[in-house]
Amino acid sequence: MPFITRFTDGLETGLPLGKILCVGRNYAEHAKELNNPVPTSPILFIKPSTSAVELEYPIERQFSHGDVHFETELALLIGKRMSQVSAEDAMSGVIGAGLALDLTLRDVQSALKEKGHPWERAKAFDGACPLSRFVPVEGDVDWEAVTFHLDINGQRQQSGQTSDMLFAIPALLEEMTRTFTLEPGDVILSGTPSGVGQLPRDAVLGLSLSLGLDVGTRTR
C-alpha cells in the first residue's frame, strides 16, 4: 500500500507522498564520527516514496538486507510547489514537521563509496524511511530552536538541535530548490546528529520532537 501522510490528529494531509529529499552530514559531529570530511555545501540525495513506512510499525523486514544503522532526523512536509525560492520565503511552504529514521546499510554504503558508486542500495531500499505523522506548522516557528531525540531501550542515543546544523533549514530549502522543484507532498529529511549506530534487534525505540510529537516503535 502507498504511504499516506497524516497529521498528528490522524487526519490525512490529502497530499500523495512524493520524493524524500535528504541532507547528508548536516551536523559536524556526525561527519566526524564517521570519519567523513565536514562539507562546505549541502550533500543531497533522494529516497523514493516506496522507502517510506509508518514509524509506529515494527522494524523487522528491513533486517533482511543485512546490518541496519539508524539516523534520526527532523522531517518537514512540503505543502506548495517551490522552485528557486529564497531562504526568506522558503518556510512558507512547510506545512508539517515530524521525525524519521534514515535507515542505512552502512557496510553496503561504505563499499559503494569506495567504488565511487551511488548510495541508493544502502539508503533507498523498501522500508528505509520509517516516517512519523506530522505536527501542523502554524504561525511563526523558531527553526533555530527545534530539538529532537531518540532513546533505545530507555537510554538516550541521539539528541539533535537545529541550531547545530551546518546549513540552517531555510538555507537548505533555498539550496534544494535551485536544483529540485519541490512539490506538495514531498518530504525533507534535514540531517542527523551524532550518535548513530547499528540498530539492535528486539529493542524499544522512543522518539520525541519539541514541536509536540512523541512516537514509539520497536525492532524484531
C-alpha atoms as a PDB file:
ATOM      1  CA  MET A   1       0.000   0.000   0.000  1.00  0.00           C
ATOM      2  CA  PRO A   2       1.261   3.525  -0.747  1.00  0.00           C
ATOM      3  CA  PHE A   3       2.363   5.510   2.301  1.00  0.00           C
ATOM      4  CA  ILE A   4      -0.272   8.035   3.422  1.00  0.00           C
ATOM      5  CA  THR A   5       0.924  11.217   5.094  1.00  0.00           C
ATOM      6  CA  ARG A   6      -1.153  12.167   8.125  1.00  0.00           C
ATOM      7  CA  PHE A   7      -1.211  14.894  10.719  1.00  0.00           C
ATOM      8  CA  THR A   8      -0.904  14.021  14.411  1.00  0.00           C
ATOM      9  CA  ASP A   9      -4.698  14.067  14.818  1.00  0.00           C
ATOM     10  CA  GLY A  10      -4.861  11.138  12.399  1.00  0.00           C
ATOM     11  CA  LEU A  11      -6.375  13.075   9.508  1.00  0.00           C
ATOM     12  CA  GLU A  12      -4.858  12.551   6.089  1.00  0.00           C
ATOM     13  CA  THR A  13      -2.972  15.515   4.680  1.00  0.00           C
ATOM     14  CA  GLY A  14      -4.578  14.972   1.290  1.00  0.00           C
ATOM     15  CA  LEU A  15      -1.146  15.022  -0.346  1.00  0.00           C
ATOM     16  CA  PRO A  16       0.378  11.989  -2.042  1.00  0.00           C
ATOM     17  CA  LEU A  17       3.852  11.261  -0.720  1.00  0.00           C
ATOM     18  CA  GLY A  18       6.385  12.437  -3.279  1.00  0.00           C
ATOM     19  CA  LYS A  19      10.138  12.304  -3.200  1.00  0.00           C
ATOM     20  CA  ILE A  20      12.047  12.287   0.090  1.00  0.00           C
ATOM     21  CA  LEU A  21      14.905  14.739  -0.262  1.00  0.00           C
ATOM     22  CA  CYS A  22      17.707  14.126   2.242  1.00  0.00           C
ATOM     23  CA  VAL A  23      20.739  16.003   3.509  1.00  0.00           C
ATOM     24  CA  GLY A  24      23.958  14.183   4.330  1.00  0.00           C
ATOM     25  CA  ARG A  25      26.411  15.309   7.034  1.00  0.00           C
ATOM     26  CA  ASN A  26      24.445  18.351   8.184  1.00  0.00           C
ATOM     27  CA  TYR A  27      25.896  18.070  11.692  1.00  0.00           C
ATOM     28  CA  ALA A  28      29.655  18.429  12.045  1.00  0.00           C
ATOM     29  CA  GLU A  29      29.961  15.896  14.879  1.00  0.00           C
ATOM     30  CA  HIS A  30      28.137  13.260  12.821  1.00  0.00           C
ATOM     31  CA  ALA A  31      30.508  13.777   9.893  1.00  0.00           C
ATOM     32  CA  LYS A  32      33.452  13.413  12.244  1.00  0.00           C
ATOM     33  CA  GLU A  33      32.152  10.258  13.933  1.00  0.00           C
ATOM     34  CA  LEU A  34      32.071   8.514  10.541  1.00  0.00           C
ATOM     35  CA  ASN A  35      35.495   9.907   9.597  1.00  0.00           C
ATOM     36  CA  ASN A  36      33.962  11.938   6.780  1.00  0.00           C
ATOM     37  CA  PRO A  37      35.045  15.452   5.855  1.00  0.00           C
ATOM     38  CA  VAL A  38      32.786  18.240   7.063  1.00  0.00           C
ATOM     39  CA  PRO A  39      31.043  19.551   3.925  1.00  0.00           C
ATOM     40  CA  THR A  40      31.176  23.159   2.804  1.00  0.00           C
ATOM     41  CA  SER A  41      27.930  22.854   0.834  1.00  0.00           C
ATOM     42  CA  PRO A  42      24.896  20.586   1.351  1.00  0.00           C
ATOM     43  CA  ILE A  43      25.172  16.945   0.275  1.00  0.00           C
ATOM     44  CA  LEU A  44      21.788  15.999  -1.201  1.00  0.00           C
ATOM     45  CA  PHE A  45      20.297  12.633  -2.115  1.00  0.00           C
ATOM     46  CA  ILE A  46      16.802  11.247  -2.647  1.00  0.00           C
ATOM     47  CA  LYS A  47      14.862   8.342  -1.208  1.00  0.00           C
ATOM     48  CA  PRO A  48      11.848   7.184  -3.241  1.00  0.00           C
ATOM     49  CA  SER A  49       8.353   7.241  -1.781  1.00  0.00           C
ATOM     50  CA  THR A  50       8.469   3.424  -1.716  1.00  0.00           C
ATOM     51  CA  SER A  51      11.092   3.600   1.045  1.00  0.00           C
ATOM     52  CA  ALA A  52       8.580   5.145   3.486  1.00  0.00           C
ATOM     53  CA  VAL A  53       6.754   3.115   6.114  1.00  0.00           C
ATOM     54  CA  GLU A  54       4.868   4.229   9.198  1.00  0.00           C
ATOM     55  CA  LEU A  55       7.275   4.806  12.069  1.00  0.00           C
ATOM     56  CA  GLU A  56       4.941   3.069  14.509  1.00  0.00           C
ATOM     57  CA  TYR A  57       5.194  -0.203  12.580  1.00  0.00           C
ATOM     58  CA  PRO A  58       7.736  -2.697  13.958  1.00  0.00           C
ATOM     59  CA  ILE A  59      11.085  -2.613  12.169  1.00  0.00           C
ATOM     60  CA  GLU A  60      11.644  -6.181  11.077  1.00  0.00           C
ATOM     61  CA  ARG A  61      11.811  -6.862   7.352  1.00  0.00           C
ATOM     62  CA  GLN A  62      14.482  -4.211   6.863  1.00  0.00           C
ATOM     63  CA  PHE A  63      16.974  -6.536   8.571  1.00  0.00           C
ATOM     64  CA  SER A  64      16.724  -8.931   5.617  1.00  0.00           C
ATOM     65  CA  HIS A  65      19.174  -6.626   3.823  1.00  0.00           C
ATOM     66  CA  GLY A  66      21.872  -7.013   6.496  1.00  0.00           C
ATOM     67  CA  ASP A  67      23.042  -4.903   9.426  1.00  0.00           C
ATOM     68  CA  VAL A  68      20.937  -1.749   9.651  1.00  0.00           C
ATOM     69  CA  HIS A  69      22.117   1.552  11.148  1.00  0.00           C
ATOM     70  CA  PHE A  70      19.788   4.262  12.448  1.00  0.00           C
ATOM     71  CA  GLU A  71      19.907   8.007  11.794  1.00  0.00           C
ATOM     72  CA  THR A  72      17.213  10.120  13.481  1.00  0.00           C
ATOM     73  CA  GLU A  73      16.128  13.206  11.559  1.00  0.00           C
ATOM     74  CA  LEU A  74      13.725  16.123  11.639  1.00  0.00           C
ATOM     75  CA  ALA A  75      11.279  15.700   8.739  1.00  0.00           C
ATOM     76  CA  LEU A  76       9.440  18.532   7.009  1.00  0.00           C
ATOM     77  CA  LEU A  77       6.312  18.160   4.878  1.00  0.00           C
ATOM     78  CA  ILE A  78       6.072  20.464   1.858  1.00  0.00           C
ATOM     79  CA  GLY A  79       2.670  21.957   1.088  1.00  0.00           C
ATOM     80  CA  LYS A  80       3.205  24.000  -2.058  1.00  0.00           C
ATOM     81  CA  ARG A  81       5.240  23.968  -5.230  1.00  0.00           C
ATOM     82  CA  MET A  82       8.587  25.672  -4.767  1.00  0.00           C
ATOM     83  CA  SER A  83      11.340  26.389  -7.272  1.00  0.00           C
ATOM     84  CA  GLN A  84      14.166  28.913  -6.960  1.00  0.00           C
ATOM     85  CA  VAL A  85      12.812  30.252  -3.665  1.00  0.00           C
ATOM     86  CA  SER A  86      14.759  32.465  -1.280  1.00  0.00           C
ATOM     87  CA  ALA A  87      15.569  31.456   2.284  1.00  0.00           C
ATOM     88  CA  GLU A  88      13.236  34.233   3.453  1.00  0.00           C
ATOM     89  CA  ASP A  89      10.282  32.735   1.567  1.00  0.00           C
ATOM     90  CA  ALA A  90      11.101  29.039   1.885  1.00  0.00           C
ATOM     91  CA  MET A  91       9.427  28.300   5.217  1.00  0.00           C
ATOM     92  CA  SER A  92       6.023  29.389   3.911  1.00  0.00           C
ATOM     93  CA  GLY A  93       5.986  26.116   2.002  1.00  0.00           C
ATOM     94  CA  VAL A  94       6.400  23.904   5.090  1.00  0.00           C
ATOM     95  CA  ILE A  95       3.068  22.682   6.479  1.00  0.00           C
ATOM     96  CA  GLY A  96       4.196  19.910   8.836  1.00  0.00           C
ATOM     97  CA  ALA A  97       7.088  18.728  10.991  1.00  0.00           C
ATOM     98  CA  GLY A  98       7.774  15.176  12.076  1.00  0.00           C
ATOM     99  CA  LEU A  99      10.513  12.642  12.653  1.00  0.00           C
ATOM    100  CA  ALA A 100      12.096   9.987  10.501  1.00  0.00           C
ATOM    101  CA  LEU A 101      14.653   7.233  10.743  1.00  0.00           C
ATOM    102  CA  ASP A 102      17.029   7.296   7.803  1.00  0.00           C
ATOM    103  CA  LEU A 103      17.909   3.605   7.900  1.00  0.00           C
ATOM    104  CA  THR A 104      21.257   2.843   6.318  1.00  0.00           C
ATOM    105  CA  LEU A 105      23.090  -0.311   5.322  1.00  0.00           C
ATOM    106  CA  ARG A 106      26.432   1.096   6.467  1.00  0.00           C
ATOM    107  CA  ASP A 107      28.668  -1.699   5.176  1.00  0.00           C
ATOM    108  CA  VAL A 108      26.953  -1.545   1.798  1.00  0.00           C
ATOM    109  CA  GLN A 109      27.249   2.249   1.742  1.00  0.00           C
ATOM    110  CA  SER A 110      30.959   2.133   2.557  1.00  0.00           C
ATOM    111  CA  ALA A 111      31.619  -0.391  -0.197  1.00  0.00           C
ATOM    112  CA  LEU A 112      29.687   1.677  -2.721  1.00  0.00           C
ATOM    113  CA  LYS A 113      31.519   4.864  -1.751  1.00  0.00           C
ATOM    114  CA  GLU A 114      34.893   3.137  -2.148  1.00  0.00           C
ATOM    115  CA  LYS A 115      33.914   2.243  -5.720  1.00  0.00           C
ATOM    116  CA  GLY A 116      32.581   5.715  -6.442  1.00  0.00           C
ATOM    117  CA  HIS A 117      29.074   4.328  -6.895  1.00  0.00           C
ATOM    118  CA  PRO A 118      25.763   5.946  -5.822  1.00  0.00           C
ATOM    119  CA  TRP A 119      24.310   5.155  -2.382  1.00  0.00           C
ATOM    120  CA  GLU A 120      20.790   4.054  -3.347  1.00  0.00           C
ATOM    121  CA  ARG A 121      21.218   0.381  -2.460  1.00  0.00           C
ATOM    122  CA  ALA A 122      22.208   1.436   1.059  1.00  0.00           C
ATOM    123  CA  LYS A 123      19.709   4.264   1.565  1.00  0.00           C
ATOM    124  CA  ALA A 124      16.663   3.792  -0.667  1.00  0.00           C
ATOM    125  CA  PHE A 125      15.551   0.193  -0.167  1.00  0.00           C
ATOM    126  CA  ASP A 126      11.953  -0.669   0.774  1.00  0.00           C
ATOM    127  CA  GLY A 127      11.335   0.334   4.398  1.00  0.00           C
ATOM    128  CA  ALA A 128      14.449   2.518   4.607  1.00  0.00           C
ATOM    129  CA  CYS A 129      12.464   5.548   5.808  1.00  0.00           C
ATOM    130  CA  PRO A 130      10.203   4.962   8.826  1.00  0.00           C
ATOM    131  CA  LEU A 131       8.277   8.237   8.962  1.00  0.00           C
ATOM    132  CA  SER A 132       6.040   9.707  11.684  1.00  0.00           C
ATOM    133  CA  ARG A 133       2.846  11.691  11.434  1.00  0.00           C
ATOM    134  CA  PHE A 134       3.276  15.440  11.109  1.00  0.00           C
ATOM    135  CA  VAL A 135       2.668  18.243  13.587  1.00  0.00           C
ATOM    136  CA  PRO A 136       0.881  21.034  11.678  1.00  0.00           C
ATOM    137  CA  VAL A 137       3.124  24.069  11.268  1.00  0.00           C
ATOM    138  CA  GLU A 138       1.098  27.145  12.122  1.00  0.00           C
ATOM    139  CA  GLY A 139       2.308  30.672  12.790  1.00  0.00           C
ATOM    140  CA  ASP A 140       5.914  31.543  13.465  1.00  0.00           C
ATOM    141  CA  VAL A 141       8.292  28.718  14.401  1.00  0.00           C
ATOM    142  CA  ASP A 142      11.792  29.381  15.692  1.00  0.00           C
ATOM    143  CA  TRP A 143      13.549  26.933  13.392  1.00  0.00           C
ATOM    144  CA  GLU A 144      16.839  27.585  15.182  1.00  0.00           C
ATOM    145  CA  ALA A 145      15.422  26.223  18.460  1.00  0.00           C
ATOM    146  CA  VAL A 146      13.849  22.890  17.467  1.00  0.00           C
ATOM    147  CA  THR A 147      15.138  19.826  19.330  1.00  0.00           C
ATOM    148  CA  PHE A 148      14.567  16.096  18.949  1.00  0.00           C
ATOM    149  CA  HIS A 149      15.949  12.878  20.366  1.00  0.00           C
ATOM    150  CA  LEU A 150      15.993   9.098  20.136  1.00  0.00           C
ATOM    151  CA  ASP A 151      16.015   6.672  23.066  1.00  0.00           C
ATOM    152  CA  ILE A 152      16.774   2.974  22.635  1.00  0.00           C
ATOM    153  CA  ASN A 153      15.625   0.728  25.479  1.00  0.00           C
ATOM    154  CA  GLY A 154      15.252   3.806  27.659  1.00  0.00           C
ATOM    155  CA  GLN A 155      18.765   5.127  27.034  1.00  0.00           C
ATOM    156  CA  ARG A 156      19.350   8.401  25.211  1.00  0.00           C
ATOM    157  CA  GLN A 157      21.099   7.626  21.921  1.00  0.00           C
ATOM    158  CA  GLN A 158      20.788  10.765  19.821  1.00  0.00           C
ATOM    159  CA  SER A 159      19.972  14.389  20.599  1.00  0.00           C
ATOM    160  CA  GLY A 160      19.584  16.949  17.853  1.00  0.00           C
ATOM    161  CA  GLN A 161      19.292  20.730  17.906  1.00  0.00           C
ATOM    162  CA  THR A 162      18.630  22.660  14.740  1.00  0.00           C
ATOM    163  CA  SER A 163      20.989  25.382  15.970  1.00  0.00           C
ATOM    164  CA  ASP A 164      23.824  22.858  15.475  1.00  0.00           C
ATOM    165  CA  MET A 165      23.067  22.297  11.799  1.00  0.00           C
ATOM    166  CA  LEU A 166      25.803  23.266   9.383  1.00  0.00           C
ATOM    167  CA  PHE A 167      23.125  24.517   6.972  1.00  0.00           C
ATOM    168  CA  ALA A 168      20.017  26.022   8.556  1.00  0.00           C
ATOM    169  CA  ILE A 169      16.626  24.849   7.327  1.00  0.00           C
ATOM    170  CA  PRO A 170      15.669  27.992   5.351  1.00  0.00           C
ATOM    171  CA  ALA A 171      19.055  27.977   3.621  1.00  0.00           C
ATOM    172  CA  LEU A 172      18.698  24.251   2.891  1.00  0.00           C
ATOM    173  CA  LEU A 173      15.352  24.765   1.194  1.00  0.00           C
ATOM    174  CA  GLU A 174      16.761  27.619  -0.842  1.00  0.00           C
ATOM    175  CA  GLU A 175      19.663  25.427  -1.948  1.00  0.00           C
ATOM    176  CA  MET A 176      17.420  22.452  -2.734  1.00  0.00           C
ATOM    177  CA  THR A 177      15.044  24.452  -4.900  1.00  0.00           C
ATOM    178  CA  ARG A 178      17.912  25.693  -7.032  1.00  0.00           C
ATOM    179  CA  THR A 179      18.158  22.129  -8.377  1.00  0.00           C
ATOM    180  CA  PHE A 180      14.956  20.290  -7.466  1.00  0.00           C
ATOM    181  CA  THR A 181      11.429  21.616  -7.759  1.00  0.00           C
ATOM    182  CA  LEU A 182       9.642  20.735  -4.522  1.00  0.00           C
ATOM    183  CA  GLU A 183       6.040  19.598  -4.905  1.00  0.00           C
ATOM    184  CA  PRO A 184       3.189  19.330  -2.374  1.00  0.00           C
ATOM    185  CA  GLY A 185       3.669  16.022  -0.557  1.00  0.00           C
ATOM    186  CA  ASP A 186       7.462  15.981  -0.795  1.00  0.00           C
ATOM    187  CA  VAL A 187       9.322  15.402   2.473  1.00  0.00           C
ATOM    188  CA  ILE A 188      12.649  16.865   3.562  1.00  0.00           C
ATOM    189  CA  LEU A 189      14.977  14.967   5.918  1.00  0.00           C
ATOM    190  CA  SER A 190      17.278  17.601   7.379  1.00  0.00           C
ATOM    191  CA  GLY A 191      20.232  15.548   8.612  1.00  0.00           C
ATOM    192  CA  THR A 192      21.188  13.513  11.652  1.00  0.00           C
ATOM    193  CA  PRO A 193      23.206  14.445  14.740  1.00  0.00           C
ATOM    194  CA  SER A 194      25.995  12.317  16.196  1.00  0.00           C
ATOM    195  CA  GLY A 195      25.230   9.076  17.986  1.00  0.00           C
ATOM    196  CA  VAL A 196      24.270   6.926  15.005  1.00  0.00           C
ATOM    197  CA  GLY A 197      24.914   3.218  15.228  1.00  0.00           C
ATOM    198  CA  GLN A 198      23.786  -0.297  14.473  1.00  0.00           C
ATOM    199  CA  LEU A 199      20.106  -0.852  15.182  1.00  0.00           C
ATOM    200  CA  PRO A 200      19.689  -3.696  17.676  1.00  0.00           C
ATOM    201  CA  ARG A 201      17.080  -6.432  17.347  1.00  0.00           C
ATOM    202  CA  ASP A 202      14.289  -6.768  19.943  1.00  0.00           C
ATOM    203  CA  ALA A 203      14.641  -3.154  21.068  1.00  0.00           C
ATOM    204  CA  VAL A 204      12.160  -0.436  22.055  1.00  0.00           C
ATOM    205  CA  LEU A 205      12.636   2.961  20.413  1.00  0.00           C
ATOM    206  CA  GLY A 206      11.200   6.248  21.633  1.00  0.00           C
ATOM    207  CA  LEU A 207      11.429   9.448  19.582  1.00  0.00           C
ATOM    208  CA  SER A 208      10.447  12.960  20.607  1.00  0.00           C
ATOM    209  CA  LEU A 209      10.209  16.330  18.844  1.00  0.00           C
ATOM    210  CA  SER A 210       9.978  19.613  20.743  1.00  0.00           C
ATOM    211  CA  LEU A 211       7.203  20.866  18.465  1.00  0.00           C
ATOM    212  CA  GLY A 212       4.834  18.406  20.110  1.00  0.00           C
ATOM    213  CA  LEU A 213       5.418  14.851  18.942  1.00  0.00           C
ATOM    214  CA  ASP A 214       6.241  11.638  20.793  1.00  0.00           C
ATOM    215  CA  VAL A 215       6.284   8.342  18.949  1.00  0.00           C
ATOM    216  CA  GLY A 216       7.489   4.847  19.689  1.00  0.00           C
ATOM    217  CA  THR A 217       8.337   1.744  17.727  1.00  0.00           C
ATOM    218  CA  ARG A 218      10.303  -1.466  18.200  1.00  0.00           C
ATOM    219  CA  THR A 219      12.593  -3.809  16.324  1.00  0.00           C
ATOM    220  CA  ARG A 220      12.173  -7.545  15.984  1.00  0.00           C
END
